Amino acid sequence: MNDSLVIIPTFNEKDNIRLIIDAVINLPKPFDILIVDDGSPDGTGEIVKEIQVAGLPNRTLHLIERQGKLGLGTAYIRGFKFAIEKGYDYIFEMDADFSHNPKDLLKLYEACTTGGSDVAVGSRYISGVNVVNWPMGRVIMSYFASIYVRFITGMPVNDTTAGFVCFKRIVLQTIDLENIKFIGYAFQIEMKFTALKFGFKISEVPIVFTDRTRGKSKMSGSIFKEAFFGVIKMKVDSLFKKYVPA
């Protein structure tokens, strides 16, 4: 077993899954991979099983199959628990669609192993706006969403909604994962906010985010609604909560 696990949630990613696994396993540092598949009707899980049977050199490919589309946040929570049980030291979140460059896993790993960070965030906004192939309206919405979150929460993080993250195991062991409430992209905000409340150090690593070229986006209006109103409730609730390690 390697010291690092990359968690990749999937739903209907048959066009990307084999390619993203190949890209991760061909990095110079070995990363194990966990696919959390929400019952993809397009056969994503079956492709992962085929790769498992073939085997990977010096890497382990895990698969957790769930029944139905249960949400991004719950997929990561399931993956975090798996990583803790298996004893991985560094646990990564990454999308399956190449919006996150697998080569940047190395930068996040370095930030946590030698850079003194407990949480390393692959940031689109730490050095300008580094987004490729998004419509301008979505770029503006995402950028100002992070400004809004920073204003409400006081988080010193430029890319609060980023989904390309490395956590040290101690962070996930300290946070009570059962009390993480959000299931959409607001989950990313809640995890960073909670880590900061427990006193962990978060750093941002500049990346270029490239919109998917294969498959279909899972973004929806309900996801933005959860984030917009949920952030206010999260902040208010934090004023009456003691952050005691789980």
C-alpha atoms as a PDB file:
ATOM      1  CA  MET A   1       0.000   0.000   0.000  1.00  0.00           C
ATOM      2  CA  ASN A   2       1.204   3.516  -0.820  1.00  0.00           C
ATOM      3  CA  ASP A   3       0.898   6.474   1.560  1.00  0.00           C
ATOM      4  CA  SER A   4      -1.550   8.405  -0.647  1.00  0.00           C
ATOM      5  CA  LEU A   5      -5.085   7.721  -1.856  1.00  0.00           C
ATOM      6  CA  VAL A   6      -6.839   9.659  -4.619  1.00  0.00           C
ATOM      7  CA  ILE A   7     -10.620   9.549  -4.248  1.00  0.00           C
ATOM      8  CA  ILE A   8     -12.551  10.014  -7.486  1.00  0.00           C
ATOM      9  CA  PRO A   9     -16.376  10.062  -7.295  1.00  0.00           C
ATOM     10  CA  THR A  10     -18.076   8.998 -10.528  1.00  0.00           C
ATOM     11  CA  PHE A  11     -21.471   8.995 -12.160  1.00  0.00           C
ATOM     12  CA  ASN A  12     -21.595   8.182 -15.874  1.00  0.00           C
ATOM     13  CA  GLU A  13     -17.901   8.749 -16.573  1.00  0.00           C
ATOM     14  CA  LYS A  14     -17.260   5.897 -19.006  1.00  0.00           C
ATOM     15  CA  ASP A  15     -15.567   8.296 -21.457  1.00  0.00           C
ATOM     16  CA  ASN A  16     -13.087   9.476 -18.835  1.00  0.00           C
ATOM     17  CA  ILE A  17     -12.562   6.746 -16.270  1.00  0.00           C
ATOM     18  CA  ARG A  18      -9.940   4.633 -18.019  1.00  0.00           C
ATOM     19  CA  LEU A  19      -8.020   7.736 -19.100  1.00  0.00           C
ATOM     20  CA  ILE A  20      -8.000   9.356 -15.654  1.00  0.00           C
ATOM     21  CA  ILE A  21      -6.840   6.139 -13.985  1.00  0.00           C
ATOM     22  CA  ASP A  22      -4.036   5.794 -16.547  1.00  0.00           C
ATOM     23  CA  ALA A  23      -2.974   9.395 -15.965  1.00  0.00           C
ATOM     24  CA  VAL A  24      -2.741   8.938 -12.194  1.00  0.00           C
ATOM     25  CA  ILE A  25      -0.900   5.614 -12.281  1.00  0.00           C
ATOM     26  CA  ASN A  26       1.672   6.988 -14.712  1.00  0.00           C
ATOM     27  CA  LEU A  27       2.789   9.745 -12.341  1.00  0.00           C
ATOM     28  CA  PRO A  28       6.343   9.331 -10.988  1.00  0.00           C
ATOM     29  CA  LYS A  29       5.040   9.113  -7.416  1.00  0.00           C
ATOM     30  CA  PRO A  30       2.749   6.137  -6.753  1.00  0.00           C
ATOM     31  CA  PHE A  31      -0.808   7.015  -5.757  1.00  0.00           C
ATOM     32  CA  ASP A  32      -3.469   4.446  -4.949  1.00  0.00           C
ATOM     33  CA  ILE A  33      -6.935   5.215  -6.319  1.00  0.00           C
ATOM     34  CA  LEU A  34     -10.446   4.814  -4.930  1.00  0.00           C
ATOM     35  CA  ILE A  35     -13.376   5.129  -7.314  1.00  0.00           C
ATOM     36  CA  VAL A  36     -16.699   5.792  -5.570  1.00  0.00           C
ATOM     37  CA  ASP A  37     -19.299   5.065  -8.221  1.00  0.00           C
ATOM     38  CA  ASP A  38     -22.957   5.945  -7.714  1.00  0.00           C
ATOM     39  CA  GLY A  39     -24.436   3.115  -9.750  1.00  0.00           C
ATOM     40  CA  SER A  40     -23.526   4.621 -13.124  1.00  0.00           C
ATOM     41  CA  PRO A  41     -25.920   3.171 -15.713  1.00  0.00           C
ATOM     42  CA  ASP A  42     -23.309   3.755 -18.435  1.00  0.00           C
ATOM     43  CA  GLY A  43     -21.052   1.004 -17.050  1.00  0.00           C
ATOM     44  CA  THR A  44     -18.361   3.120 -15.386  1.00  0.00           C
ATOM     45  CA  GLY A  45     -18.097   0.629 -12.523  1.00  0.00           C
ATOM     46  CA  GLU A  46     -17.677  -2.299 -14.898  1.00  0.00           C
ATOM     47  CA  ILE A  47     -14.741  -0.582 -16.590  1.00  0.00           C
ATOM     48  CA  VAL A  48     -13.086  -0.095 -13.192  1.00  0.00           C
ATOM     49  CA  LYS A  49     -13.560  -3.794 -12.427  1.00  0.00           C
ATOM     50  CA  GLU A  50     -11.892  -4.704 -15.722  1.00  0.00           C
ATOM     51  CA  ILE A  51      -8.883  -2.589 -14.791  1.00  0.00           C
ATOM     52  CA  GLN A  52      -8.766  -4.189 -11.338  1.00  0.00           C
ATOM     53  CA  VAL A  53      -8.639  -7.651 -12.889  1.00  0.00           C
ATOM     54  CA  ALA A  54      -5.786  -6.602 -15.178  1.00  0.00           C
ATOM     55  CA  GLY A  55      -3.904  -5.144 -12.208  1.00  0.00           C
ATOM     56  CA  LEU A  56      -1.772  -2.014 -11.809  1.00  0.00           C
ATOM     57  CA  PRO A  57       2.006  -1.896 -11.231  1.00  0.00           C
ATOM     58  CA  ASN A  58       2.832  -0.816  -7.656  1.00  0.00           C
ATOM     59  CA  ARG A  59      -0.580   0.785  -7.283  1.00  0.00           C
ATOM     60  CA  THR A  60      -3.906  -0.384  -5.884  1.00  0.00           C
ATOM     61  CA  LEU A  61      -7.241   0.449  -7.484  1.00  0.00           C
ATOM     62  CA  HIS A  62     -10.203   0.284  -5.105  1.00  0.00           C
ATOM     63  CA  LEU A  63     -13.869   0.464  -6.028  1.00  0.00           C
ATOM     64  CA  ILE A  64     -16.886   1.278  -3.889  1.00  0.00           C
ATOM     65  CA  GLU A  65     -20.216   0.912  -5.682  1.00  0.00           C
ATOM     66  CA  ARG A  66     -23.271   2.659  -4.274  1.00  0.00           C
ATOM     67  CA  GLN A  67     -26.890   2.314  -5.310  1.00  0.00           C
ATOM     68  CA  GLY A  68     -28.150   5.513  -6.886  1.00  0.00           C
ATOM     69  CA  LYS A  69     -26.887   9.061  -7.160  1.00  0.00           C
ATOM     70  CA  LEU A  70     -26.321   9.968  -3.510  1.00  0.00           C
ATOM     71  CA  GLY A  71     -24.332  13.187  -3.840  1.00  0.00           C
ATOM     72  CA  LEU A  72     -20.739  14.372  -4.036  1.00  0.00           C
ATOM     73  CA  GLY A  73     -20.369  15.029  -0.328  1.00  0.00           C
ATOM     74  CA  THR A  74     -21.532  11.587   0.778  1.00  0.00           C
ATOM     75  CA  ALA A  75     -19.240   9.984  -1.809  1.00  0.00           C
ATOM     76  CA  TYR A  76     -16.227  11.761  -0.349  1.00  0.00           C
ATOM     77  CA  ILE A  77     -17.280  11.008   3.233  1.00  0.00           C
ATOM     78  CA  ARG A  78     -17.478   7.323   2.329  1.00  0.00           C
ATOM     79  CA  GLY A  79     -14.064   7.582   0.720  1.00  0.00           C
ATOM     80  CA  PHE A  80     -12.562   9.410   3.702  1.00  0.00           C
ATOM     81  CA  LYS A  81     -13.735   6.696   6.079  1.00  0.00           C
ATOM     82  CA  PHE A  82     -12.254   4.050   3.797  1.00  0.00           C
ATOM     83  CA  ALA A  83      -8.927   5.920   3.685  1.00  0.00           C
ATOM     84  CA  ILE A  84      -8.778   6.216   7.467  1.00  0.00           C
ATOM     85  CA  GLU A  85      -9.586   2.516   7.897  1.00  0.00           C
ATOM     86  CA  LYS A  86      -6.806   1.580   5.477  1.00  0.00           C
ATOM     87  CA  GLY A  87      -4.277   3.912   7.108  1.00  0.00           C
ATOM     88  CA  TYR A  88      -3.506   6.280   4.226  1.00  0.00           C
ATOM     89  CA  ASP A  89      -1.558   9.362   5.332  1.00  0.00           C
ATOM     90  CA  TYR A  90      -2.580  11.708   2.506  1.00  0.00           C
ATOM     91  CA  ILE A  91      -6.068  11.673   1.034  1.00  0.00           C
ATOM     92  CA  PHE A  92      -6.957  13.539  -2.161  1.00  0.00           C
ATOM     93  CA  GLU A  93     -10.172  14.712  -3.773  1.00  0.00           C
ATOM     94  CA  MET A  94     -10.158  14.873  -7.573  1.00  0.00           C
ATOM     95  CA  ASP A  95     -12.688  14.972 -10.406  1.00  0.00           C
ATOM     96  CA  ALA A  96     -12.834  12.255 -13.042  1.00  0.00           C
ATOM     97  CA  ASP A  97     -13.221  14.589 -16.019  1.00  0.00           C
ATOM     98  CA  PHE A  98      -9.691  16.082 -16.251  1.00  0.00           C
ATOM     99  CA  SER A  99     -10.825  19.490 -15.022  1.00  0.00           C
ATOM    100  CA  HIS A 100      -8.054  18.824 -12.496  1.00  0.00           C
ATOM    101  CA  ASN A 101      -4.701  17.993 -14.041  1.00  0.00           C
ATOM    102  CA  PRO A 102      -3.468  14.747 -12.432  1.00  0.00           C
ATOM    103  CA  LYS A 103       0.115  16.089 -12.558  1.00  0.00           C
ATOM    104  CA  ASP A 104      -0.912  18.696  -9.984  1.00  0.00           C
ATOM    105  CA  LEU A 105      -1.393  15.909  -7.430  1.00  0.00           C
ATOM    106  CA  LEU A 106       2.367  16.129  -6.992  1.00  0.00           C
ATOM    107  CA  LYS A 107       2.154  19.811  -6.011  1.00  0.00           C
ATOM    108  CA  LEU A 108      -0.588  19.164  -3.483  1.00  0.00           C
ATOM    109  CA  TYR A 109       1.376  16.247  -2.033  1.00  0.00           C
ATOM    110  CA  GLU A 110       4.477  18.401  -1.667  1.00  0.00           C
ATOM    111  CA  ALA A 111       2.500  21.162   0.078  1.00  0.00           C
ATOM    112  CA  CYS A 112       1.400  18.681   2.762  1.00  0.00           C
ATOM    113  CA  THR A 113       4.600  16.634   3.070  1.00  0.00           C
ATOM    114  CA  THR A 114       7.273  19.353   2.992  1.00  0.00           C
ATOM    115  CA  GLY A 115       5.354  22.634   2.898  1.00  0.00           C
ATOM    116  CA  GLY A 116       3.841  22.450   6.369  1.00  0.00           C
ATOM    117  CA  SER A 117       0.199  22.333   5.284  1.00  0.00           C
ATOM    118  CA  ASP A 118      -2.498  20.150   6.782  1.00  0.00           C
ATOM    119  CA  VAL A 119      -4.825  20.836   3.854  1.00  0.00           C
ATOM    120  CA  ALA A 120      -3.626  21.810   0.373  1.00  0.00           C
ATOM    121  CA  VAL A 121      -6.142  23.305  -2.052  1.00  0.00           C
ATOM    122  CA  GLY A 122      -5.674  23.321  -5.812  1.00  0.00           C
ATOM    123  CA  SER A 123      -6.720  26.926  -6.326  1.00  0.00           C
ATOM    124  CA  ARG A 124      -8.145  28.534  -9.454  1.00  0.00           C
ATOM    125  CA  TYR A 125      -8.018  32.014  -7.936  1.00  0.00           C
ATOM    126  CA  ILE A 126      -4.812  32.341  -5.901  1.00  0.00           C
ATOM    127  CA  SER A 127      -2.973  33.892  -8.866  1.00  0.00           C
ATOM    128  CA  GLY A 128      -5.647  35.572 -10.947  1.00  0.00           C
ATOM    129  CA  VAL A 129      -8.420  33.560 -12.614  1.00  0.00           C
ATOM    130  CA  ASN A 130      -7.039  30.346 -14.076  1.00  0.00           C
ATOM    131  CA  VAL A 131     -10.023  28.701 -15.738  1.00  0.00           C
ATOM    132  CA  VAL A 132     -10.102  27.338 -19.292  1.00  0.00           C
ATOM    133  CA  ASN A 133     -13.161  26.625 -21.487  1.00  0.00           C
ATOM    134  CA  TRP A 134     -15.804  27.865 -19.041  1.00  0.00           C
ATOM    135  CA  PRO A 135     -18.451  30.315 -20.306  1.00  0.00           C
ATOM    136  CA  MET A 136     -17.764  33.786 -18.938  1.00  0.00           C
ATOM    137  CA  GLY A 137     -20.986  33.718 -16.942  1.00  0.00           C
ATOM    138  CA  ARG A 138     -19.919  30.617 -15.062  1.00  0.00           C
ATOM    139  CA  VAL A 139     -16.431  32.013 -14.403  1.00  0.00           C
ATOM    140  CA  ILE A 140     -17.956  35.161 -12.916  1.00  0.00           C
ATOM    141  CA  MET A 141     -20.446  33.157 -10.849  1.00  0.00           C
ATOM    142  CA  SER A 142     -17.732  30.884  -9.452  1.00  0.00           C
ATOM    143  CA  TYR A 143     -15.313  33.717  -8.708  1.00  0.00           C
ATOM    144  CA  PHE A 144     -17.859  35.866  -6.914  1.00  0.00           C
ATOM    145  CA  ALA A 145     -19.237  32.829  -5.092  1.00  0.00           C
ATOM    146  CA  SER A 146     -15.853  32.451  -3.435  1.00  0.00           C
ATOM    147  CA  ILE A 147     -15.817  36.159  -2.553  1.00  0.00           C
ATOM    148  CA  TYR A 148     -19.276  35.757  -1.025  1.00  0.00           C
ATOM    149  CA  VAL A 149     -18.172  32.735   1.010  1.00  0.00           C
ATOM    150  CA  ARG A 150     -15.076  34.549   2.274  1.00  0.00           C
ATOM    151  CA  PHE A 151     -17.214  37.527   3.285  1.00  0.00           C
ATOM    152  CA  ILE A 152     -19.708  35.396   5.227  1.00  0.00           C
ATOM    153  CA  THR A 153     -17.256  32.978   6.826  1.00  0.00           C
ATOM    154  CA  GLY A 154     -14.052  34.982   7.122  1.00  0.00           C
ATOM    155  CA  MET A 155     -12.073  32.115   5.604  1.00  0.00           C
ATOM    156  CA  PRO A 156      -8.629  33.184   4.317  1.00  0.00           C
ATOM    157  CA  VAL A 157      -9.041  30.976   1.242  1.00  0.00           C
ATOM    158  CA  ASN A 158      -9.408  32.389  -2.274  1.00  0.00           C
ATOM    159  CA  ASP A 159     -10.956  29.291  -3.857  1.00  0.00           C
ATOM    160  CA  THR A 160     -13.433  28.188  -1.203  1.00  0.00           C
ATOM    161  CA  THR A 161     -15.406  25.906  -3.532  1.00  0.00           C
ATOM    162  CA  ALA A 162     -12.359  24.099  -4.965  1.00  0.00           C
ATOM    163  CA  GLY A 163     -12.743  20.336  -5.299  1.00  0.00           C
ATOM    164  CA  PHE A 164      -9.071  19.463  -5.826  1.00  0.00           C
ATOM    165  CA  VAL A 165      -7.716  18.988  -2.316  1.00  0.00           C
ATOM    166  CA  CYS A 166      -5.212  17.016  -0.241  1.00  0.00           C
ATOM    167  CA  PHE A 167      -5.939  16.283   3.416  1.00  0.00           C
ATOM    168  CA  LYS A 168      -3.562  14.858   5.970  1.00  0.00           C
ATOM    169  CA  ARG A 169      -5.197  11.909   7.685  1.00  0.00           C
ATOM    170  CA  ILE A 170      -5.184  13.692  11.056  1.00  0.00           C
ATOM    171  CA  VAL A 171      -7.550  16.337   9.638  1.00  0.00           C
ATOM    172  CA  LEU A 172     -10.145  13.755   8.631  1.00  0.00           C
ATOM    173  CA  GLN A 173      -9.720  11.893  11.913  1.00  0.00           C
ATOM    174  CA  THR A 174     -10.274  15.101  13.885  1.00  0.00           C
ATOM    175  CA  ILE A 175     -13.355  16.294  12.034  1.00  0.00           C
ATOM    176  CA  ASP A 176     -16.571  14.479  12.936  1.00  0.00           C
ATOM    177  CA  LEU A 177     -17.420  13.385   9.419  1.00  0.00           C
ATOM    178  CA  GLU A 178     -20.930  12.382  10.485  1.00  0.00           C
ATOM    179  CA  ASN A 179     -21.672  16.060  11.179  1.00  0.00           C
ATOM    180  CA  ILE A 180     -20.724  17.287   7.718  1.00  0.00           C
ATOM    181  CA  LYS A 181     -24.139  18.256   6.371  1.00  0.00           C
ATOM    182  CA  PHE A 182     -23.764  19.456   2.798  1.00  0.00           C
ATOM    183  CA  ILE A 183     -23.929  16.954  -0.034  1.00  0.00           C
ATOM    184  CA  GLY A 184     -23.338  19.125  -3.122  1.00  0.00           C
ATOM    185  CA  TYR A 185     -20.475  21.471  -3.902  1.00  0.00           C
ATOM    186  CA  ALA A 186     -21.115  23.335  -0.639  1.00  0.00           C
ATOM    187  CA  PHE A 187     -19.515  20.253   0.914  1.00  0.00           C
ATOM    188  CA  GLN A 188     -16.176  21.646  -0.260  1.00  0.00           C
ATOM    189  CA  ILE A 189     -16.803  24.879   1.623  1.00  0.00           C
ATOM    190  CA  GLU A 190     -17.859  23.075   4.798  1.00  0.00           C
ATOM    191  CA  MET A 191     -14.782  20.847   4.853  1.00  0.00           C
ATOM    192  CA  LYS A 192     -12.389  23.801   4.548  1.00  0.00           C
ATOM    193  CA  PHE A 193     -14.317  25.874   7.087  1.00  0.00           C
ATOM    194  CA  THR A 194     -14.386  23.034   9.606  1.00  0.00           C
ATOM    195  CA  ALA A 195     -10.679  22.267   9.159  1.00  0.00           C
ATOM    196  CA  LEU A 196      -9.856  25.911   9.888  1.00  0.00           C
ATOM    197  CA  LYS A 197     -12.096  25.901  12.956  1.00  0.00           C
ATOM    198  CA  PHE A 198     -10.082  23.000  14.326  1.00  0.00           C
ATOM    199  CA  GLY A 199      -6.901  25.004  13.826  1.00  0.00           C
ATOM    200  CA  PHE A 200      -5.457  23.204  10.817  1.00  0.00           C
ATOM    201  CA  LYS A 201      -3.286  25.045   8.313  1.00  0.00           C
ATOM    202  CA  ILE A 202      -4.671  25.420   4.791  1.00  0.00           C
ATOM    203  CA  SER A 203      -2.536  26.493   1.850  1.00  0.00           C
ATOM    204  CA  GLU A 204      -3.484  27.163  -1.760  1.00  0.00           C
ATOM    205  CA  VAL A 205      -1.510  25.793  -4.688  1.00  0.00           C
ATOM    206  CA  PRO A 206      -2.091  27.520  -8.039  1.00  0.00           C
ATOM    207  CA  ILE A 207      -3.592  25.280 -10.718  1.00  0.00           C
ATOM    208  CA  VAL A 208      -5.278  25.721 -14.084  1.00  0.00           C
ATOM    209  CA  PHE A 209      -8.828  24.388 -14.118  1.00  0.00           C
ATOM    210  CA  THR A 210      -9.947  23.094 -17.532  1.00  0.00           C
ATOM    211  CA  ASP A 211     -13.609  22.351 -18.158  1.00  0.00           C
ATOM    212  CA  ARG A 212     -14.472  18.821 -19.238  1.00  0.00           C
ATOM    213  CA  THR A 213     -14.355  17.891 -22.919  1.00  0.00           C
ATOM    214  CA  ARG A 214     -15.984  14.456 -22.481  1.00  0.00           C
ATOM    215  CA  GLY A 215     -19.141  13.542 -20.605  1.00  0.00           C
ATOM    216  CA  LYS A 216     -21.785  15.742 -18.999  1.00  0.00           C
ATOM    217  CA  SER A 217     -21.454  18.253 -16.155  1.00  0.00           C
ATOM    218  CA  LYS A 218     -23.342  17.481 -12.924  1.00  0.00           C
ATOM    219  CA  MET A 219     -23.757  21.151 -11.949  1.00  0.00           C
ATOM    220  CA  SER A 220     -27.318  22.279 -11.208  1.00  0.00           C
ATOM    221  CA  GLY A 221     -29.230  25.198  -9.754  1.00  0.00           C
ATOM    222  CA  SER A 222     -29.980  23.301  -6.553  1.00  0.00           C
ATOM    223  CA  ILE A 223     -26.253  22.975  -5.915  1.00  0.00           C
ATOM    224  CA  PHE A 224     -25.816  26.747  -5.994  1.00  0.00           C
ATOM    225  CA  LYS A 225     -28.884  27.237  -3.799  1.00  0.00           C
ATOM    226  CA  GLU A 226     -27.474  24.873  -1.182  1.00  0.00           C
ATOM    227  CA  ALA A 227     -24.202  26.781  -1.153  1.00  0.00           C
ATOM    228  CA  PHE A 228     -25.748  30.275  -1.071  1.00  0.00           C
ATOM    229  CA  PHE A 229     -28.108  29.746   1.839  1.00  0.00           C
ATOM    230  CA  GLY A 230     -26.187  26.957   3.541  1.00  0.00           C
ATOM    231  CA  VAL A 231     -23.093  29.076   4.090  1.00  0.00           C
ATOM    232  CA  ILE A 232     -25.034  31.549   6.212  1.00  0.00           C
ATOM    233  CA  LYS A 233     -26.482  28.768   8.367  1.00  0.00           C
ATOM    234  CA  MET A 234     -23.059  27.131   8.663  1.00  0.00           C
ATOM    235  CA  LYS A 235     -21.532  30.381   9.919  1.00  0.00           C
ATOM    236  CA  VAL A 236     -24.337  31.047  12.405  1.00  0.00           C
ATOM    237  CA  ASP A 237     -24.217  27.481  13.734  1.00  0.00           C
ATOM    238  CA  SER A 238     -20.446  27.747  14.227  1.00  0.00           C
ATOM    239  CA  LEU A 239     -20.939  30.607  16.684  1.00  0.00           C
ATOM    240  CA  PHE A 240     -22.657  28.222  19.087  1.00  0.00           C
ATOM    241  CA  LYS A 241     -20.479  25.196  18.528  1.00  0.00           C
ATOM    242  CA  LYS A 242     -17.349  23.962  20.247  1.00  0.00           C
ATOM    243  CA  TYR A 243     -14.845  22.388  17.893  1.00  0.00           C
ATOM    244  CA  VAL A 244     -13.689  19.375  19.843  1.00  0.00           C
ATOM    245  CA  PRO A 245     -11.808  16.577  18.022  1.00  0.00           C
ATOM    246  CA  ALA A 246     -13.983  13.594  17.118  1.00  0.00           C
END
